[in-house]
């Protein structure tokens, strides 16, 4: 039975324009040179401009504080207050941020009294003149976009990213060399000498009562009609600085480095060469060679592979046309390593039952299941796999797996 090609399903509401993917240029002077850090087995892009370029031109990576697009903000609601646009958060949310900030400062060795005094100072209202001097908002109609205020690191990866990638006005992400550690070392060993501790952020927020923190539309209508706001409405300092980083998968990072030549990955302030990066990724992921071969193959066909959504459906990649904002995923991809005779130990040992279950799940979400076989030559040695040159000897075979429905088959035969 021949597989039926399904045209990609376009999303009903598209909120953005399509940017052409990152170009490939043979002239080194015309290539963009972006920078990333290899931290705790993760590749993070720290510079805001690099984040936007890499994500928007090809939809590489995902935000560490967001579901996908790196646009996390301390609040989804903004309001004009005394000529400035400020993020709006509820009193309970603000108290929660205060507790997080207090816990972070206590973990850095500050005594309880010092932490309490700092929390009291933070919770005091701020005069608008001080907000304007501190640049807490943008006057007039220009609103600061979400995700452009500072950042907090809520996990070990993000703590290391904050230490290694301090965002400032410099065009390059220039971490402090004294704060570097090996990815396997204890991240708490240098907490007392952390050059960039988790401390009160430079931003300001508008704190309102819990019962007043409603949707933006309702609040706007209330303010316009009544011209009065009841309850708590105070401008305070943001307890934490929230910085969004872009996390690249190993396949995405190596594709940008090796195939497009527009990214440099640094480890301990030193750029990694292509061969060293290949060996490093192979040590982190035993199946990296097969996974990257499949990723590069899909990218070369014009698809956008994303591995984040594949975990929900038990596959390796989800394939999108143009990108997730424009189309739903069309294919669920399972990567398998085989030899020339299509034998060998695969990454997954499918039984008929498990394969049928995976096919049923894929069909129920209006996608097609694709088996992507990476064919290794019989004479390919382990030494050759230690270099990306081996990719030229690998072959890729795609197989679409579809369910055979007997009633549909009988109906087609009747029509004939």
Protein backbone atom coordinates (compact mmCIF):
# COMPACT_ATOMS: atom_id res chain seq x y z
CA UNK A 1 0.00 0.00 0.00
CA UNK A 2 1.54 3.29 -1.07
CA UNK A 3 1.72 6.02 1.57
CA UNK A 4 -0.45 9.02 0.96
CA UNK A 5 1.26 12.39 1.19
CA UNK A 6 -0.52 14.85 3.43
CA UNK A 7 -0.08 18.52 2.76
CA UNK A 8 1.11 20.50 5.80
CA UNK A 9 -1.70 21.96 7.90
CA UNK A 10 -1.34 25.71 8.19
CA UNK A 11 -2.07 27.30 11.54
CA UNK A 12 -5.24 29.34 11.71
CA UNK A 13 -3.69 32.38 13.36
CA UNK A 14 -0.22 33.47 12.33
CA UNK A 15 1.10 36.44 14.30
CA UNK A 16 4.44 36.97 12.57
CA UNK A 17 6.12 37.25 9.21
CA UNK A 18 8.38 34.60 7.78
CA UNK A 19 12.11 35.43 7.81
CA UNK A 20 14.36 33.62 5.39
CA UNK A 21 16.61 31.05 7.10
CA UNK A 22 20.20 31.81 7.90
CA UNK A 23 22.02 32.19 4.55
CA UNK A 24 25.00 30.15 3.49
CA UNK A 25 27.86 32.26 2.17
CA UNK A 26 31.27 31.12 1.03
CA UNK A 27 32.75 34.53 1.73
CA UNK A 28 33.89 34.60 5.38
CA UNK A 29 33.37 38.36 5.52
CA UNK A 30 29.67 38.00 4.64
CA UNK A 31 28.96 35.31 7.22
CA UNK A 32 27.31 36.13 10.51
CA UNK A 33 29.37 35.07 13.50
CA UNK A 34 27.24 34.15 16.47
CA UNK A 35 28.48 32.88 19.79
CA UNK A 36 27.31 30.16 22.17
CA UNK A 37 28.58 28.55 25.36
CA UNK A 38 28.79 24.84 26.17
CA UNK A 39 27.61 24.70 29.79
CA UNK A 40 26.65 21.56 31.68
CA UNK A 41 26.13 19.56 28.48
CA UNK A 42 23.91 22.30 27.04
CA UNK A 43 24.64 24.82 24.30
CA UNK A 44 23.35 28.26 25.32
CA UNK A 45 23.26 31.48 23.31
CA UNK A 46 23.41 34.46 25.65
CA UNK A 47 23.61 37.64 23.58
CA UNK A 48 20.09 39.07 22.95
CA UNK A 49 20.80 39.98 19.31
CA UNK A 50 22.23 36.54 18.60
CA UNK A 51 19.23 34.90 20.25
CA UNK A 52 16.74 36.71 18.03
CA UNK A 53 18.71 36.14 14.82
CA UNK A 54 19.30 32.43 15.39
CA UNK A 55 15.74 31.69 16.44
CA UNK A 56 13.90 33.85 13.91
CA UNK A 57 15.99 32.76 10.91
CA UNK A 58 15.37 29.04 10.92
CA UNK A 59 13.73 28.52 14.33
CA UNK A 60 16.76 26.99 15.99
CA UNK A 61 16.62 26.32 19.72
CA UNK A 62 14.12 27.22 22.42
CA UNK A 63 14.02 29.58 25.37
CA UNK A 64 15.07 28.14 28.73
CA UNK A 65 12.24 30.02 30.48
CA UNK A 66 9.67 29.67 27.70
CA UNK A 67 7.90 26.81 25.95
CA UNK A 68 9.61 27.53 22.63
CA UNK A 69 10.13 31.12 21.51
CA UNK A 70 12.63 32.92 23.77
CA UNK A 71 10.31 35.73 24.83
CA UNK A 72 9.83 35.10 28.55
CA UNK A 73 8.89 38.15 30.60
CA UNK A 74 8.23 38.71 34.27
CA UNK A 75 4.63 39.48 33.29
CA UNK A 76 2.39 39.11 30.27
CA UNK A 77 0.48 42.27 31.22
CA UNK A 78 1.87 45.76 30.76
CA UNK A 79 0.30 49.08 31.66
CA UNK A 80 1.09 52.74 31.17
CA UNK A 81 1.65 54.32 34.57
CA UNK A 82 2.67 57.98 34.91
CA UNK A 83 3.97 58.02 31.32
CA UNK A 84 5.93 54.76 31.58
CA UNK A 85 5.05 51.24 30.46
CA UNK A 86 5.62 48.83 33.35
CA UNK A 87 4.94 45.09 33.80
CA UNK A 88 1.98 44.38 36.07
CA UNK A 89 2.12 41.60 38.68
CA UNK A 90 -0.14 40.72 41.59
CA UNK A 91 0.78 41.16 45.24
CA UNK A 92 0.95 37.40 45.82
CA UNK A 93 3.23 36.95 42.78
CA UNK A 94 5.50 39.74 44.04
CA UNK A 95 5.73 38.11 47.47
CA UNK A 96 6.65 34.84 45.79
CA UNK A 97 9.47 36.57 43.88
CA UNK A 98 10.66 38.09 47.16
CA UNK A 99 10.85 34.63 48.72
CA UNK A 100 12.85 33.35 45.75
CA UNK A 101 15.25 36.27 45.99
CA UNK A 102 15.64 35.75 49.74
CA UNK A 103 16.36 32.06 49.29
CA UNK A 104 18.95 32.81 46.59
CA UNK A 105 20.72 35.37 48.77
CA UNK A 106 20.68 33.04 51.78
CA UNK A 107 22.21 30.29 49.64
CA UNK A 108 25.06 32.67 48.80
CA UNK A 109 26.04 32.98 52.47
CA UNK A 110 24.29 36.17 53.59
CA UNK A 111 22.99 36.14 57.16
CA UNK A 112 19.28 36.23 57.88
CA UNK A 113 19.27 39.80 59.15
CA UNK A 114 20.96 41.17 56.03
CA UNK A 115 18.55 39.28 53.81
CA UNK A 116 15.55 40.58 55.78
CA UNK A 117 16.76 44.16 55.49
CA UNK A 118 17.24 43.81 51.75
CA UNK A 119 13.78 42.32 51.32
CA UNK A 120 12.25 45.20 53.29
CA UNK A 121 14.01 47.74 51.10
CA UNK A 122 12.84 45.96 47.98
CA UNK A 123 9.21 45.94 49.03
CA UNK A 124 9.11 49.70 49.60
CA UNK A 125 7.31 51.84 46.96
CA UNK A 126 9.53 53.67 44.49
CA UNK A 127 9.02 57.27 43.33
CA UNK A 128 8.46 57.70 39.61
CA UNK A 129 11.43 60.07 39.35
CA UNK A 130 13.70 57.25 40.48
CA UNK A 131 12.07 54.90 37.98
CA UNK A 132 12.74 57.32 35.13
CA UNK A 133 16.34 57.77 36.21
CA UNK A 134 16.75 53.99 36.42
CA UNK A 135 15.23 53.39 32.99
CA UNK A 136 12.48 51.15 34.28
CA UNK A 137 10.21 51.83 31.34
CA UNK A 138 9.91 53.56 27.97
CA UNK A 139 8.17 56.86 27.76
CA UNK A 140 5.38 57.52 25.33
CA UNK A 141 3.94 54.82 23.13
CA UNK A 142 7.06 52.67 22.88
CA UNK A 143 6.81 49.58 25.02
CA UNK A 144 9.72 47.46 26.07
CA UNK A 145 9.26 44.03 24.64
CA UNK A 146 8.96 41.01 26.87
CA UNK A 147 12.11 39.21 27.77
CA UNK A 148 14.34 42.28 27.51
CA UNK A 149 14.71 42.93 31.19
CA UNK A 150 17.46 41.14 33.11
CA UNK A 151 17.36 37.37 34.00
CA UNK A 152 17.21 34.85 36.78
CA UNK A 153 18.62 31.38 36.64
CA UNK A 154 16.20 28.86 38.11
CA UNK A 155 18.24 25.72 37.51
CA UNK A 156 21.82 24.57 37.59
CA UNK A 157 22.17 25.16 33.85
CA UNK A 158 20.83 28.67 34.15
CA UNK A 159 23.00 29.42 37.20
CA UNK A 160 26.06 28.47 35.17
CA UNK A 161 24.78 30.50 32.24
CA UNK A 162 24.40 33.55 34.43
CA UNK A 163 27.95 33.16 35.67
CA UNK A 164 29.38 32.46 32.22
CA UNK A 165 27.32 34.79 30.04
CA UNK A 166 26.83 38.15 31.71
CA UNK A 167 24.76 40.36 29.44
CA UNK A 168 25.94 43.93 29.27
CA UNK A 169 26.37 46.66 26.67
CA UNK A 170 29.33 44.91 25.05
CA UNK A 171 28.61 43.49 21.60
CA UNK A 172 30.04 40.12 22.62
CA UNK A 173 29.05 37.83 25.47
CA UNK A 174 32.19 38.11 27.59
CA UNK A 175 32.06 35.87 30.64
CA UNK A 176 34.40 36.32 33.55
CA UNK A 177 37.19 33.77 33.16
CA UNK A 178 37.54 33.44 36.91
CA UNK A 179 34.02 32.02 37.15
CA UNK A 180 34.52 29.14 34.69
CA UNK A 181 34.19 25.58 35.86
CA UNK A 182 34.22 22.19 34.29
CA UNK A 183 30.78 20.84 33.46
CA UNK A 184 31.29 17.96 35.88
CA UNK A 185 32.43 20.10 38.82
CA UNK A 186 30.32 21.13 41.78
CA UNK A 187 28.49 24.37 40.95
CA UNK A 188 28.27 25.34 44.64
CA UNK A 189 32.02 25.28 45.26
CA UNK A 190 32.55 28.93 44.31
CA UNK A 191 29.26 30.40 45.51
CA UNK A 192 31.05 32.74 47.91
CA UNK A 193 33.13 34.26 45.11
CA UNK A 194 30.39 34.39 42.48
CA UNK A 195 31.09 37.58 40.44
CA UNK A 196 27.45 37.91 39.40
CA UNK A 197 25.21 36.76 42.28
CA UNK A 198 21.46 36.51 42.11
CA UNK A 199 20.56 39.94 43.43
CA UNK A 200 17.77 42.49 43.01
CA UNK A 201 17.26 43.23 39.34
CA UNK A 202 17.43 46.73 37.83
CA UNK A 203 13.82 46.66 36.60
CA UNK A 204 10.63 47.99 38.12
CA UNK A 205 7.15 46.48 38.29
CA UNK A 206 3.67 47.76 39.04
CA UNK A 207 2.26 45.73 41.95
CA UNK A 208 -1.52 45.55 42.18
CA UNK A 209 -4.00 43.77 44.43
CA UNK A 210 -4.71 40.14 43.67
CA UNK A 211 -8.37 40.80 42.88
CA UNK A 212 -7.35 43.57 40.48
CA UNK A 213 -4.83 41.53 38.49
CA UNK A 214 -7.27 40.52 35.77
CA UNK A 215 -6.93 40.32 32.03
CA UNK A 216 -5.47 43.28 30.18
CA UNK A 217 -8.69 43.98 28.30
CA UNK A 218 -10.86 44.08 31.43
CA UNK A 219 -8.38 46.25 33.30
CA UNK A 220 -8.12 48.67 30.37
CA UNK A 221 -11.91 49.01 30.20
CA UNK A 222 -12.12 49.68 33.95
CA UNK A 223 -9.43 52.33 33.84
CA UNK A 224 -10.91 54.08 30.80
CA UNK A 225 -14.50 54.09 32.04
CA UNK A 226 -14.00 54.84 35.73
CA UNK A 227 -10.66 56.68 35.59
CA UNK A 228 -10.02 55.36 39.09
CA UNK A 229 -8.12 52.35 40.35
CA UNK A 230 -8.82 50.94 43.78
CA UNK A 231 -6.65 48.81 46.03
CA UNK A 232 -2.90 48.44 45.93
CA UNK A 233 -1.08 50.07 43.02
CA UNK A 234 2.57 50.66 43.80
CA UNK A 235 5.73 50.78 41.72
CA UNK A 236 8.43 48.61 43.27
CA UNK A 237 11.78 47.22 42.32
CA UNK A 238 11.80 43.82 40.68
CA UNK A 239 13.21 41.31 43.21
CA UNK A 240 14.82 39.19 40.51
CA UNK A 241 16.29 39.88 37.11
CA UNK A 242 14.85 37.51 34.52
CA UNK A 243 17.11 36.78 31.57
CA UNK A 244 16.06 34.52 28.73
CA UNK A 245 18.70 32.38 27.04
CA UNK A 246 18.40 30.30 23.89
CA UNK A 247 19.17 26.60 24.33
CA UNK A 248 20.27 24.72 21.24
CA UNK A 249 20.18 20.97 20.87
CA UNK A 250 23.46 19.31 20.00
CA UNK A 251 22.24 18.70 16.45
CA UNK A 252 21.18 22.33 16.00
CA UNK A 253 24.45 23.65 17.37
CA UNK A 254 26.63 21.45 15.17
CA UNK A 255 24.51 22.22 12.12
CA UNK A 256 25.06 25.96 12.67
CA UNK A 257 28.78 25.38 13.20
CA UNK A 258 29.54 22.75 10.56
CA UNK A 259 26.92 23.16 7.84
CA UNK A 260 26.27 26.91 7.95
CA UNK A 261 29.49 28.15 9.52
CA UNK A 262 27.75 30.96 11.41
CA UNK A 263 28.21 29.87 15.05
CA UNK A 264 31.18 29.47 17.38
CA UNK A 265 30.80 27.32 20.49
CA UNK A 266 33.02 28.22 23.45
CA UNK A 267 34.11 26.08 26.37
CA UNK A 268 36.05 27.75 29.20
CA UNK A 269 36.47 30.92 27.11
CA UNK A 270 38.08 28.99 24.26
CA UNK A 271 36.36 28.35 20.92
CA UNK A 272 36.04 24.68 20.06
CA UNK A 273 37.17 23.53 16.64
CA UNK A 274 34.82 21.49 14.51
CA UNK A 275 36.65 18.24 15.22
CA UNK A 276 36.78 18.90 18.97
CA UNK A 277 33.10 19.86 19.01
CA UNK A 278 32.20 16.68 17.12
CA UNK A 279 34.09 14.51 19.59
CA UNK A 280 32.62 16.38 22.55
CA UNK A 281 29.07 15.88 21.30
CA UNK A 282 29.76 12.20 20.60
CA UNK A 283 30.92 11.75 24.19
CA UNK A 284 27.73 13.43 25.44
CA UNK A 285 25.40 11.47 23.15
CA UNK A 286 26.36 7.98 21.93
CA UNK A 287 23.80 8.22 19.11
CA UNK A 288 24.89 11.70 18.00
CA UNK A 289 26.26 10.57 14.62
CA UNK A 290 22.99 9.00 13.50
CA UNK A 291 20.89 11.76 15.02
CA UNK A 292 22.86 14.53 13.32
CA UNK A 293 22.86 12.72 9.98
CA UNK A 294 19.05 12.58 10.13
CA UNK A 295 18.83 16.20 11.27
CA UNK A 296 21.09 17.45 8.47
CA UNK A 297 19.16 15.40 5.92
CA UNK A 298 15.82 16.92 7.01
CA UNK A 299 17.23 20.44 7.02
CA UNK A 300 18.66 19.95 3.54
CA UNK A 301 15.15 19.02 2.35
CA UNK A 302 13.77 22.32 3.63
CA UNK A 303 12.11 21.01 6.80
CA UNK A 304 12.53 22.43 10.30
CA UNK A 305 13.23 19.55 12.71
CA UNK A 306 12.39 20.15 16.37
CA UNK A 307 13.21 17.53 18.96
CA UNK A 308 11.31 19.13 21.86
CA UNK A 309 7.88 18.13 20.60
CA UNK A 310 9.03 14.63 19.71
CA UNK A 311 9.26 13.61 23.36
CA UNK A 312 5.48 13.89 23.69
CA UNK A 313 4.92 11.32 20.95
CA UNK A 314 7.85 8.99 21.58
CA UNK A 315 9.88 10.02 18.51
CA UNK A 316 13.15 11.85 17.85
CA UNK A 317 12.05 14.81 15.73
CA UNK A 318 8.96 16.62 14.57
CA UNK A 319 9.19 18.08 11.07
CA UNK A 320 7.64 21.47 10.31
CA UNK A 321 7.29 23.36 7.08
CA UNK A 322 8.82 26.85 7.46
CA UNK A 323 8.52 26.67 11.26
CA UNK A 324 6.21 25.98 14.20
CA UNK A 325 4.49 29.42 14.05
CA UNK A 326 3.19 28.78 10.51
CA UNK A 327 2.36 25.08 10.21
CA UNK A 328 1.56 22.15 12.44
CA UNK A 329 4.12 19.37 12.40
CA UNK A 330 3.69 17.07 9.41
CA UNK A 331 5.93 14.14 10.31
CA UNK A 332 7.04 12.33 13.46
CA UNK A 333 10.53 10.98 12.81
CA UNK A 334 12.18 7.96 14.38
CA UNK A 335 15.92 7.64 13.70
CA UNK A 336 17.36 4.13 13.38
CA UNK A 337 20.91 2.98 12.66
CA UNK A 338 21.25 0.00 10.33
CA UNK A 339 23.84 -1.59 8.08
CA UNK A 340 23.62 -2.14 4.35
CA UNK A 341 21.35 -5.18 4.83
CA UNK A 342 19.02 -3.19 7.12
CA UNK A 343 20.08 -5.23 10.14
CA UNK A 344 21.85 -4.31 13.32
CA UNK A 345 21.04 -3.16 16.82
CA UNK A 346 18.63 -0.25 16.53
CA UNK A 347 18.14 2.46 19.08
CA UNK A 348 14.66 1.08 19.73
CA UNK A 349 13.56 -2.53 19.53
CA UNK A 350 10.06 -2.20 18.16
CA UNK A 351 7.60 -5.01 18.49
CA UNK A 352 4.56 -5.10 16.26
CA UNK A 353 2.46 -3.94 19.19
CA UNK A 354 4.68 -0.98 20.09
CA UNK A 355 5.01 0.06 16.45
CA UNK A 356 1.24 -0.13 15.98
CA UNK A 357 0.73 1.96 19.12
CA UNK A 358 3.19 4.58 17.91
CA UNK A 359 1.52 4.66 14.50
CA UNK A 360 -1.92 5.06 16.12
CA UNK A 361 -0.70 7.95 18.31
CA UNK A 362 0.85 9.68 15.31
CA UNK A 363 -2.28 9.26 13.23
CA UNK A 364 -4.51 10.59 16.01
CA UNK A 365 -2.59 13.89 16.03
CA UNK A 366 -2.84 14.21 12.23
CA UNK A 367 0.77 13.41 11.47
CA UNK A 368 2.63 10.73 9.56
CA UNK A 369 5.19 8.41 11.09
CA UNK A 370 8.53 8.41 9.29
CA UNK A 371 11.28 5.88 9.93
CA UNK A 372 14.59 7.52 9.06
CA UNK A 373 17.19 4.78 8.59
CA UNK A 374 20.86 5.84 8.74
CA UNK A 375 22.75 3.24 6.71
CA UNK A 376 26.33 2.63 7.82
CA UNK A 377 28.76 0.96 5.36
CA UNK A 378 30.13 -2.37 6.52
CA UNK A 379 33.73 -1.14 6.27
CA UNK A 380 33.17 2.06 8.28
CA UNK A 381 35.58 1.93 11.22
CA UNK A 382 35.22 3.50 14.63
CA UNK A 383 38.20 5.74 13.87
CA UNK A 384 36.35 7.22 10.89
CA UNK A 385 33.37 8.02 13.11
CA UNK A 386 35.66 10.26 15.15
CA UNK A 387 35.45 12.91 12.42
CA UNK A 388 32.45 14.55 10.70
CA UNK A 389 33.97 13.47 7.39
CA UNK A 390 32.21 10.16 7.96
CA UNK A 391 28.88 11.84 7.19
CA UNK A 392 29.74 11.63 3.49
CA UNK A 393 29.70 7.83 3.68
CA UNK A 394 26.36 7.52 5.45
CA UNK A 395 23.13 7.06 3.53
CA UNK A 396 19.64 8.03 4.61
CA UNK A 397 16.51 6.05 3.73
CA UNK A 398 13.05 7.34 4.60
CA UNK A 399 10.10 4.98 5.12
CA UNK A 400 6.56 6.20 5.82
CA UNK A 401 4.64 3.91 8.18
CA UNK A 402 0.87 4.01 7.78
CA UNK A 403 -1.98 1.99 9.24
CA UNK A 404 -3.83 -0.37 6.94
CA UNK A 405 -7.57 0.08 7.45
CA UNK A 406 -9.50 -2.86 6.00
CA UNK A 407 -12.79 -0.96 5.64
CA UNK A 408 -11.06 1.76 3.65
CA UNK A 409 -9.39 -0.81 1.42
CA UNK A 410 -12.75 -2.51 0.70
CA UNK A 411 -14.35 0.85 -0.14
CA UNK A 412 -11.57 1.64 -2.61
CA UNK A 413 -11.96 -1.78 -4.25
CA UNK A 414 -15.73 -1.23 -4.55
CA UNK A 415 -15.17 2.10 -6.29
CA UNK A 416 -12.89 0.41 -8.81
